[in-house]
């Protein structure tokens, strides 16, 4: 199987992955991945549980380094700079590459304080009106402002699961990232809330590069521009979403998306 699977080359790439492998101890969870992801596009990562897609997602902001006895090989370039260079400040990297998790995880604080948390910690606002502006803009960006503007000081945990997830998205974009990683952000949500998040992702892609892990084939087909199919730590196929669902080039891809494997 050809591991040299490239989406594209040129100035439109935000992230470029070159011969990247990742190990848990001696186990190769990812094997010599090569792909490029365009800026201001949504890339979906699909594949069965345990295939490496979430490991790869977390490699894009080095969150896997919080796990003991792991190591990475190869290169991941963000705007041409290797994020695995020893000189890279990981805290700064994670400001530029934000993360939204599988289940909504708002802090046990008010809606306002959830969104203001990052700007306060990073010193992006001196407080007062500037911080208020960041909170409002972030909630507007997450499509939540008009639903919560009269209750900003109430606990975020009082919101519905779909609203909580949008608070988490607002908290992520409040620190002005360039890339947003989403690890199955709709898996705990009902169908209506899921469609809200998908619509939101499409709007956010006008400003951010988005990478999403999903088990939902329909969601990948609806919401993404590019799709990568993972199997046992390998990237089997990576193409424009319409092409990969209409006419997959690999038999294993076709078997997975049609439900015959997985």
C-alpha atoms as a PDB file:
ATOM      1  CA  UNK A   1       0.000   0.000   0.000  1.00  0.00           C
ATOM      2  CA  UNK A   2       1.324   3.422  -0.919  1.00  0.00           C
ATOM      3  CA  UNK A   3       1.828   5.550   2.195  1.00  0.00           C
ATOM      4  CA  UNK A   4       2.651   8.616   0.132  1.00  0.00           C
ATOM      5  CA  UNK A   5      -0.927   9.907   0.158  1.00  0.00           C
ATOM      6  CA  UNK A   6      -0.905  13.633  -0.455  1.00  0.00           C
ATOM      7  CA  UNK A   7      -3.979  15.832  -0.585  1.00  0.00           C
ATOM      8  CA  UNK A   8      -2.260  18.630  -2.424  1.00  0.00           C
ATOM      9  CA  UNK A   9       0.810  20.796  -2.436  1.00  0.00           C
ATOM     10  CA  UNK A  10       1.317  24.497  -2.610  1.00  0.00           C
ATOM     11  CA  UNK A  11       0.624  27.664  -0.698  1.00  0.00           C
ATOM     12  CA  UNK A  12      -2.894  26.598   0.312  1.00  0.00           C
ATOM     13  CA  UNK A  13      -1.706  24.072   2.883  1.00  0.00           C
ATOM     14  CA  UNK A  14      -2.027  24.901   6.573  1.00  0.00           C
ATOM     15  CA  UNK A  15      -0.713  21.573   7.879  1.00  0.00           C
ATOM     16  CA  UNK A  16       1.709  19.181   6.190  1.00  0.00           C
ATOM     17  CA  UNK A  17       2.467  15.760   7.647  1.00  0.00           C
ATOM     18  CA  UNK A  18       5.620  13.994   6.487  1.00  0.00           C
ATOM     19  CA  UNK A  19       6.483  10.378   7.365  1.00  0.00           C
ATOM     20  CA  UNK A  20       4.867  10.783  10.777  1.00  0.00           C
ATOM     21  CA  UNK A  21       4.660   7.818  13.151  1.00  0.00           C
ATOM     22  CA  UNK A  22       3.594   7.649  16.784  1.00  0.00           C
ATOM     23  CA  UNK A  23       4.316   4.955  19.345  1.00  0.00           C
ATOM     24  CA  UNK A  24       2.776   3.907  22.644  1.00  0.00           C
ATOM     25  CA  UNK A  25       5.783   2.115  24.061  1.00  0.00           C
ATOM     26  CA  UNK A  26       6.800  -0.223  21.242  1.00  0.00           C
ATOM     27  CA  UNK A  27       3.349  -0.255  19.646  1.00  0.00           C
ATOM     28  CA  UNK A  28       3.097   1.798  16.425  1.00  0.00           C
ATOM     29  CA  UNK A  29      -0.275   3.547  16.703  1.00  0.00           C
ATOM     30  CA  UNK A  30       0.445   5.598  13.563  1.00  0.00           C
ATOM     31  CA  UNK A  31       2.589   4.414  10.682  1.00  0.00           C
ATOM     32  CA  UNK A  32       4.417   6.764   8.299  1.00  0.00           C
ATOM     33  CA  UNK A  33       1.567   9.169   7.597  1.00  0.00           C
ATOM     34  CA  UNK A  34       1.826  11.642   4.738  1.00  0.00           C
ATOM     35  CA  UNK A  35      -0.909  14.176   4.023  1.00  0.00           C
ATOM     36  CA  UNK A  36      -1.528  17.885   3.632  1.00  0.00           C
ATOM     37  CA  UNK A  37      -4.514  19.849   4.937  1.00  0.00           C
ATOM     38  CA  UNK A  38      -5.644  23.069   3.348  1.00  0.00           C
ATOM     39  CA  UNK A  39      -6.273  26.244   5.312  1.00  0.00           C
ATOM     40  CA  UNK A  40      -9.889  27.278   5.912  1.00  0.00           C
ATOM     41  CA  UNK A  41     -11.175  23.816   5.109  1.00  0.00           C
ATOM     42  CA  UNK A  42     -12.756  21.048   7.206  1.00  0.00           C
ATOM     43  CA  UNK A  43     -10.910  17.735   7.168  1.00  0.00           C
ATOM     44  CA  UNK A  44     -12.759  14.686   8.537  1.00  0.00           C
ATOM     45  CA  UNK A  45     -10.905  11.656   9.885  1.00  0.00           C
ATOM     46  CA  UNK A  46     -12.896   8.423   9.720  1.00  0.00           C
ATOM     47  CA  UNK A  47     -12.251   4.789  10.550  1.00  0.00           C
ATOM     48  CA  UNK A  48     -13.148   2.155  13.147  1.00  0.00           C
ATOM     49  CA  UNK A  49     -12.397   2.514  16.854  1.00  0.00           C
ATOM     50  CA  UNK A  50      -8.711   2.061  17.619  1.00  0.00           C
ATOM     51  CA  UNK A  51      -7.530   2.853  14.096  1.00  0.00           C
ATOM     52  CA  UNK A  52      -5.410   5.850  15.158  1.00  0.00           C
ATOM     53  CA  UNK A  53      -7.540   8.801  14.098  1.00  0.00           C
ATOM     54  CA  UNK A  54      -7.845  10.339  17.598  1.00  0.00           C
ATOM     55  CA  UNK A  55      -4.158   9.676  18.240  1.00  0.00           C
ATOM     56  CA  UNK A  56      -3.377  11.545  15.034  1.00  0.00           C
ATOM     57  CA  UNK A  57      -5.702  14.421  15.948  1.00  0.00           C
ATOM     58  CA  UNK A  58      -3.966  14.850  19.301  1.00  0.00           C
ATOM     59  CA  UNK A  59      -0.587  14.715  17.577  1.00  0.00           C
ATOM     60  CA  UNK A  60      -1.481  17.968  15.828  1.00  0.00           C
ATOM     61  CA  UNK A  61      -1.128  19.933  19.080  1.00  0.00           C
ATOM     62  CA  UNK A  62       1.156  17.453  20.878  1.00  0.00           C
ATOM     63  CA  UNK A  63      -1.451  16.502  23.469  1.00  0.00           C
ATOM     64  CA  UNK A  64      -0.242  12.902  23.276  1.00  0.00           C
ATOM     65  CA  UNK A  65       2.874  14.011  25.108  1.00  0.00           C
ATOM     66  CA  UNK A  66       0.837  14.039  28.331  1.00  0.00           C
ATOM     67  CA  UNK A  67       0.866  10.203  28.116  1.00  0.00           C
ATOM     68  CA  UNK A  68       3.966   8.480  29.475  1.00  0.00           C
ATOM     69  CA  UNK A  69       6.201   6.249  27.355  1.00  0.00           C
ATOM     70  CA  UNK A  70       5.188   7.652  23.985  1.00  0.00           C
ATOM     71  CA  UNK A  71       7.269   9.013  21.145  1.00  0.00           C
ATOM     72  CA  UNK A  72       6.797  10.598  17.749  1.00  0.00           C
ATOM     73  CA  UNK A  73       8.847  10.282  14.585  1.00  0.00           C
ATOM     74  CA  UNK A  74       8.636  12.399  11.463  1.00  0.00           C
ATOM     75  CA  UNK A  75       7.504  15.950  10.852  1.00  0.00           C
ATOM     76  CA  UNK A  76       4.281  17.925  11.186  1.00  0.00           C
ATOM     77  CA  UNK A  77       4.498  21.398   9.680  1.00  0.00           C
ATOM     78  CA  UNK A  78       2.168  24.226  10.698  1.00  0.00           C
ATOM     79  CA  UNK A  79       2.608  27.070   8.225  1.00  0.00           C
ATOM     80  CA  UNK A  80       5.938  25.520   7.283  1.00  0.00           C
ATOM     81  CA  UNK A  81       7.284  25.206  10.853  1.00  0.00           C
ATOM     82  CA  UNK A  82       7.830  21.823  12.480  1.00  0.00           C
ATOM     83  CA  UNK A  83       5.681  21.641  15.624  1.00  0.00           C
ATOM     84  CA  UNK A  84       7.918  18.831  16.927  1.00  0.00           C
ATOM     85  CA  UNK A  85      11.024  20.998  16.857  1.00  0.00           C
ATOM     86  CA  UNK A  86      12.474  21.000  20.412  1.00  0.00           C
ATOM     87  CA  UNK A  87      12.435  24.788  20.394  1.00  0.00           C
ATOM     88  CA  UNK A  88       8.633  24.945  20.012  1.00  0.00           C
ATOM     89  CA  UNK A  89       6.741  26.265  23.051  1.00  0.00           C
ATOM     90  CA  UNK A  90       3.974  23.681  23.535  1.00  0.00           C
ATOM     91  CA  UNK A  91       1.747  26.107  25.451  1.00  0.00           C
ATOM     92  CA  UNK A  92       1.958  28.580  22.592  1.00  0.00           C
ATOM     93  CA  UNK A  93       1.331  25.783  20.080  1.00  0.00           C
ATOM     94  CA  UNK A  94      -1.888  24.813  21.874  1.00  0.00           C
ATOM     95  CA  UNK A  95      -3.039  28.408  21.752  1.00  0.00           C
ATOM     96  CA  UNK A  96      -2.698  28.291  17.966  1.00  0.00           C
ATOM     97  CA  UNK A  97      -4.151  24.772  17.681  1.00  0.00           C
ATOM     98  CA  UNK A  98      -7.216  24.550  19.920  1.00  0.00           C
ATOM     99  CA  UNK A  99      -9.165  21.448  20.943  1.00  0.00           C
ATOM    100  CA  UNK A 100     -12.853  20.616  21.387  1.00  0.00           C
ATOM    101  CA  UNK A 101     -13.456  17.280  23.078  1.00  0.00           C
ATOM    102  CA  UNK A 102     -15.932  14.475  22.614  1.00  0.00           C
ATOM    103  CA  UNK A 103     -18.215  15.409  25.497  1.00  0.00           C
ATOM    104  CA  UNK A 104     -18.996  18.988  26.484  1.00  0.00           C
ATOM    105  CA  UNK A 105     -16.630  19.907  29.314  1.00  0.00           C
ATOM    106  CA  UNK A 106     -17.446  23.427  30.488  1.00  0.00           C
ATOM    107  CA  UNK A 107     -15.788  24.500  33.720  1.00  0.00           C
ATOM    108  CA  UNK A 108     -18.046  24.672  36.819  1.00  0.00           C
ATOM    109  CA  UNK A 109     -18.159  28.430  36.401  1.00  0.00           C
ATOM    110  CA  UNK A 110     -20.387  30.981  34.728  1.00  0.00           C
ATOM    111  CA  UNK A 111     -20.799  31.149  30.972  1.00  0.00           C
ATOM    112  CA  UNK A 112     -18.812  34.394  30.982  1.00  0.00           C
ATOM    113  CA  UNK A 113     -15.930  32.979  33.037  1.00  0.00           C
ATOM    114  CA  UNK A 114     -15.700  29.887  30.830  1.00  0.00           C
ATOM    115  CA  UNK A 115     -15.153  31.968  27.722  1.00  0.00           C
ATOM    116  CA  UNK A 116     -12.954  34.525  29.485  1.00  0.00           C
ATOM    117  CA  UNK A 117     -10.677  31.883  31.005  1.00  0.00           C
ATOM    118  CA  UNK A 118      -8.137  31.619  28.195  1.00  0.00           C
ATOM    119  CA  UNK A 119      -7.811  35.345  27.475  1.00  0.00           C
ATOM    120  CA  UNK A 120      -7.282  35.975  31.197  1.00  0.00           C
ATOM    121  CA  UNK A 121      -4.619  33.293  31.592  1.00  0.00           C
ATOM    122  CA  UNK A 122      -2.781  34.355  28.431  1.00  0.00           C
ATOM    123  CA  UNK A 123      -3.103  38.074  29.126  1.00  0.00           C
ATOM    124  CA  UNK A 124      -4.944  38.759  25.875  1.00  0.00           C
ATOM    125  CA  UNK A 125      -7.184  41.346  27.500  1.00  0.00           C
ATOM    126  CA  UNK A 126      -6.641  43.782  30.340  1.00  0.00           C
ATOM    127  CA  UNK A 127     -10.117  43.134  31.662  1.00  0.00           C
ATOM    128  CA  UNK A 128     -13.138  45.408  31.578  1.00  0.00           C
ATOM    129  CA  UNK A 129     -14.629  46.323  28.236  1.00  0.00           C
ATOM    130  CA  UNK A 130     -11.992  44.535  26.139  1.00  0.00           C
ATOM    131  CA  UNK A 131     -12.657  41.243  27.903  1.00  0.00           C
ATOM    132  CA  UNK A 132     -16.399  41.781  27.532  1.00  0.00           C
ATOM    133  CA  UNK A 133     -15.858  42.287  23.806  1.00  0.00           C
ATOM    134  CA  UNK A 134     -13.836  39.069  23.476  1.00  0.00           C
ATOM    135  CA  UNK A 135     -16.517  37.081  25.320  1.00  0.00           C
ATOM    136  CA  UNK A 136     -19.284  38.520  23.143  1.00  0.00           C
ATOM    137  CA  UNK A 137     -17.385  37.977  19.886  1.00  0.00           C
ATOM    138  CA  UNK A 138     -16.518  34.410  20.872  1.00  0.00           C
ATOM    139  CA  UNK A 139     -20.106  33.555  21.798  1.00  0.00           C
ATOM    140  CA  UNK A 140     -21.276  35.139  18.557  1.00  0.00           C
ATOM    141  CA  UNK A 141     -18.704  33.078  16.683  1.00  0.00           C
ATOM    142  CA  UNK A 142     -20.072  29.956  18.387  1.00  0.00           C
ATOM    143  CA  UNK A 143     -23.639  30.905  17.469  1.00  0.00           C
ATOM    144  CA  UNK A 144     -24.676  31.205  21.113  1.00  0.00           C
ATOM    145  CA  UNK A 145     -24.705  34.905  21.984  1.00  0.00           C
ATOM    146  CA  UNK A 146     -28.392  35.580  21.467  1.00  0.00           C
ATOM    147  CA  UNK A 147     -29.337  32.533  23.548  1.00  0.00           C
ATOM    148  CA  UNK A 148     -27.222  33.447  26.576  1.00  0.00           C
ATOM    149  CA  UNK A 149     -26.536  37.200  26.510  1.00  0.00           C
ATOM    150  CA  UNK A 150     -29.002  37.829  29.336  1.00  0.00           C
ATOM    151  CA  UNK A 151     -27.600  35.049  31.547  1.00  0.00           C
ATOM    152  CA  UNK A 152     -23.835  35.302  31.183  1.00  0.00           C
ATOM    153  CA  UNK A 153     -23.294  35.043  34.950  1.00  0.00           C
ATOM    154  CA  UNK A 154     -25.287  31.820  35.314  1.00  0.00           C
ATOM    155  CA  UNK A 155     -23.494  28.429  35.468  1.00  0.00           C
ATOM    156  CA  UNK A 156     -22.533  26.988  32.087  1.00  0.00           C
ATOM    157  CA  UNK A 157     -23.497  23.568  33.437  1.00  0.00           C
ATOM    158  CA  UNK A 158     -27.146  24.694  33.497  1.00  0.00           C
ATOM    159  CA  UNK A 159     -27.190  24.812  29.682  1.00  0.00           C
ATOM    160  CA  UNK A 160     -28.315  21.991  27.409  1.00  0.00           C
ATOM    161  CA  UNK A 161     -25.581  19.621  26.151  1.00  0.00           C
ATOM    162  CA  UNK A 162     -25.620  21.274  22.720  1.00  0.00           C
ATOM    163  CA  UNK A 163     -25.282  24.731  24.259  1.00  0.00           C
ATOM    164  CA  UNK A 164     -22.503  23.485  26.548  1.00  0.00           C
ATOM    165  CA  UNK A 165     -20.575  22.238  23.537  1.00  0.00           C
ATOM    166  CA  UNK A 166     -20.942  25.647  21.884  1.00  0.00           C
ATOM    167  CA  UNK A 167     -19.630  27.262  25.092  1.00  0.00           C
ATOM    168  CA  UNK A 168     -16.600  24.999  24.745  1.00  0.00           C
ATOM    169  CA  UNK A 169     -16.185  26.084  21.129  1.00  0.00           C
ATOM    170  CA  UNK A 170     -16.476  29.733  22.212  1.00  0.00           C
ATOM    171  CA  UNK A 171     -13.853  29.074  24.904  1.00  0.00           C
ATOM    172  CA  UNK A 172     -11.568  27.641  22.220  1.00  0.00           C
ATOM    173  CA  UNK A 173     -11.913  30.503  19.734  1.00  0.00           C
ATOM    174  CA  UNK A 174     -11.586  33.153  22.470  1.00  0.00           C
ATOM    175  CA  UNK A 175      -7.797  32.749  22.364  1.00  0.00           C
ATOM    176  CA  UNK A 176      -7.736  33.284  18.578  1.00  0.00           C
ATOM    177  CA  UNK A 177      -6.422  29.923  17.351  1.00  0.00           C
ATOM    178  CA  UNK A 178      -5.573  29.189  13.745  1.00  0.00           C
ATOM    179  CA  UNK A 179      -6.617  25.524  13.816  1.00  0.00           C
ATOM    180  CA  UNK A 180      -9.507  23.890  15.700  1.00  0.00           C
ATOM    181  CA  UNK A 181      -9.348  20.167  16.434  1.00  0.00           C
ATOM    182  CA  UNK A 182     -12.655  18.428  17.196  1.00  0.00           C
ATOM    183  CA  UNK A 183     -12.710  14.899  18.608  1.00  0.00           C
ATOM    184  CA  UNK A 184     -16.207  13.552  17.895  1.00  0.00           C
ATOM    185  CA  UNK A 185     -17.810  16.812  19.104  1.00  0.00           C
ATOM    186  CA  UNK A 186     -21.361  15.626  18.366  1.00  0.00           C
ATOM    187  CA  UNK A 187     -21.261  12.085  19.738  1.00  0.00           C
ATOM    188  CA  UNK A 188     -23.065  13.092  22.968  1.00  0.00           C
ATOM    189  CA  UNK A 189     -25.605  15.359  21.256  1.00  0.00           C
ATOM    190  CA  UNK A 190     -29.089  14.843  19.842  1.00  0.00           C
ATOM    191  CA  UNK A 191     -29.689  15.150  16.067  1.00  0.00           C
ATOM    192  CA  UNK A 192     -30.875  18.777  16.243  1.00  0.00           C
ATOM    193  CA  UNK A 193     -27.864  19.890  18.290  1.00  0.00           C
ATOM    194  CA  UNK A 194     -25.609  17.927  15.947  1.00  0.00           C
ATOM    195  CA  UNK A 195     -26.889  19.853  12.930  1.00  0.00           C
ATOM    196  CA  UNK A 196     -26.306  23.134  14.813  1.00  0.00           C
ATOM    197  CA  UNK A 197     -22.677  22.146  15.418  1.00  0.00           C
ATOM    198  CA  UNK A 198     -22.215  21.111  11.770  1.00  0.00           C
ATOM    199  CA  UNK A 199     -23.619  24.445  10.569  1.00  0.00           C
ATOM    200  CA  UNK A 200     -21.310  26.180  13.030  1.00  0.00           C
ATOM    201  CA  UNK A 201     -18.284  24.275  11.726  1.00  0.00           C
ATOM    202  CA  UNK A 202     -19.007  25.426   8.183  1.00  0.00           C
ATOM    203  CA  UNK A 203     -19.174  29.053   9.340  1.00  0.00           C
ATOM    204  CA  UNK A 204     -16.026  28.720  11.439  1.00  0.00           C
ATOM    205  CA  UNK A 205     -14.133  27.322   8.452  1.00  0.00           C
ATOM    206  CA  UNK A 206     -14.278  30.793   6.912  1.00  0.00           C
ATOM    207  CA  UNK A 207     -11.772  31.849   9.616  1.00  0.00           C
ATOM    208  CA  UNK A 208     -10.169  28.645  10.892  1.00  0.00           C
ATOM    209  CA  UNK A 209      -8.755  25.370   9.642  1.00  0.00           C
ATOM    210  CA  UNK A 210     -10.785  22.535  11.198  1.00  0.00           C
ATOM    211  CA  UNK A 211      -9.912  18.878  11.684  1.00  0.00           C
ATOM    212  CA  UNK A 212     -12.663  16.610  13.007  1.00  0.00           C
ATOM    213  CA  UNK A 213     -12.721  12.969  14.091  1.00  0.00           C
ATOM    214  CA  UNK A 214     -16.105  11.327  13.528  1.00  0.00           C
ATOM    215  CA  UNK A 215     -17.613   7.849  13.424  1.00  0.00           C
ATOM    216  CA  UNK A 216     -20.625   9.288  11.603  1.00  0.00           C
ATOM    217  CA  UNK A 217     -20.248   8.769   7.855  1.00  0.00           C
ATOM    218  CA  UNK A 218     -23.177  11.086   7.118  1.00  0.00           C
ATOM    219  CA  UNK A 219     -21.589  13.809   9.193  1.00  0.00           C
ATOM    220  CA  UNK A 220     -18.272  13.483   7.377  1.00  0.00           C
ATOM    221  CA  UNK A 221     -20.091  13.623   4.036  1.00  0.00           C
ATOM    222  CA  UNK A 222     -22.189  16.640   5.043  1.00  0.00           C
ATOM    223  CA  UNK A 223     -19.694  18.779   6.894  1.00  0.00           C
ATOM    224  CA  UNK A 224     -16.181  18.227   5.509  1.00  0.00           C
ATOM    225  CA  UNK A 225     -14.235  19.249   2.420  1.00  0.00           C
ATOM    226  CA  UNK A 226     -11.597  16.492   2.698  1.00  0.00           C
ATOM    227  CA  UNK A 227     -11.780  13.042   4.294  1.00  0.00           C
ATOM    228  CA  UNK A 228      -9.048  10.683   5.449  1.00  0.00           C
ATOM    229  CA  UNK A 229      -9.765   7.017   6.123  1.00  0.00           C
ATOM    230  CA  UNK A 230      -7.612   5.342   8.799  1.00  0.00           C
ATOM    231  CA  UNK A 231      -7.180   1.601   9.334  1.00  0.00           C
ATOM    232  CA  UNK A 232      -4.825  -0.011  11.876  1.00  0.00           C
ATOM    233  CA  UNK A 233      -2.687   3.110  12.161  1.00  0.00           C
ATOM    234  CA  UNK A 234      -2.344   3.664   8.415  1.00  0.00           C
ATOM    235  CA  UNK A 235      -3.884   6.338   6.243  1.00  0.00           C
ATOM    236  CA  UNK A 236      -5.561   4.242   3.566  1.00  0.00           C
ATOM    237  CA  UNK A 237      -7.061   7.030   1.476  1.00  0.00           C
ATOM    238  CA  UNK A 238      -7.230  10.826   1.631  1.00  0.00           C
ATOM    239  CA  UNK A 239      -9.249  12.704  -0.963  1.00  0.00           C
ATOM    240  CA  UNK A 240     -11.900  15.358  -1.393  1.00  0.00           C
ATOM    241  CA  UNK A 241     -14.962  14.234   0.531  1.00  0.00           C
ATOM    242  CA  UNK A 242     -17.308  13.987  -2.450  1.00  0.00           C
ATOM    243  CA  UNK A 243     -14.811  11.823  -4.321  1.00  0.00           C
ATOM    244  CA  UNK A 244     -14.033   9.468  -1.460  1.00  0.00           C
ATOM    245  CA  UNK A 245     -17.718   8.765  -0.819  1.00  0.00           C
ATOM    246  CA  UNK A 246     -18.745   8.538  -4.487  1.00  0.00           C
ATOM    247  CA  UNK A 247     -15.803   6.613  -5.884  1.00  0.00           C
ATOM    248  CA  UNK A 248     -13.241   5.435  -3.311  1.00  0.00           C
ATOM    249  CA  UNK A 249     -10.021   4.219  -4.888  1.00  0.00           C
ATOM    250  CA  UNK A 250      -9.221   1.584  -2.256  1.00  0.00           C
ATOM    251  CA  UNK A 251     -11.380  -1.511  -1.754  1.00  0.00           C
ATOM    252  CA  UNK A 252     -10.952  -1.252   2.015  1.00  0.00           C
ATOM    253  CA  UNK A 253     -12.308   2.312   1.959  1.00  0.00           C
ATOM    254  CA  UNK A 254     -15.331   1.229  -0.051  1.00  0.00           C
ATOM    255  CA  UNK A 255     -15.972  -1.706   2.300  1.00  0.00           C
ATOM    256  CA  UNK A 256     -15.842   0.591   5.330  1.00  0.00           C
ATOM    257  CA  UNK A 257     -18.060   3.398   4.081  1.00  0.00           C
ATOM    258  CA  UNK A 258     -20.643   0.925   2.786  1.00  0.00           C
ATOM    259  CA  UNK A 259     -20.710  -0.907   6.112  1.00  0.00           C
ATOM    260  CA  UNK A 260     -19.146  -4.177   4.957  1.00  0.00           C
ATOM    261  CA  UNK A 261     -16.055  -3.660   7.164  1.00  0.00           C
ATOM    262  CA  UNK A 262     -15.685  -1.860  10.443  1.00  0.00           C
END
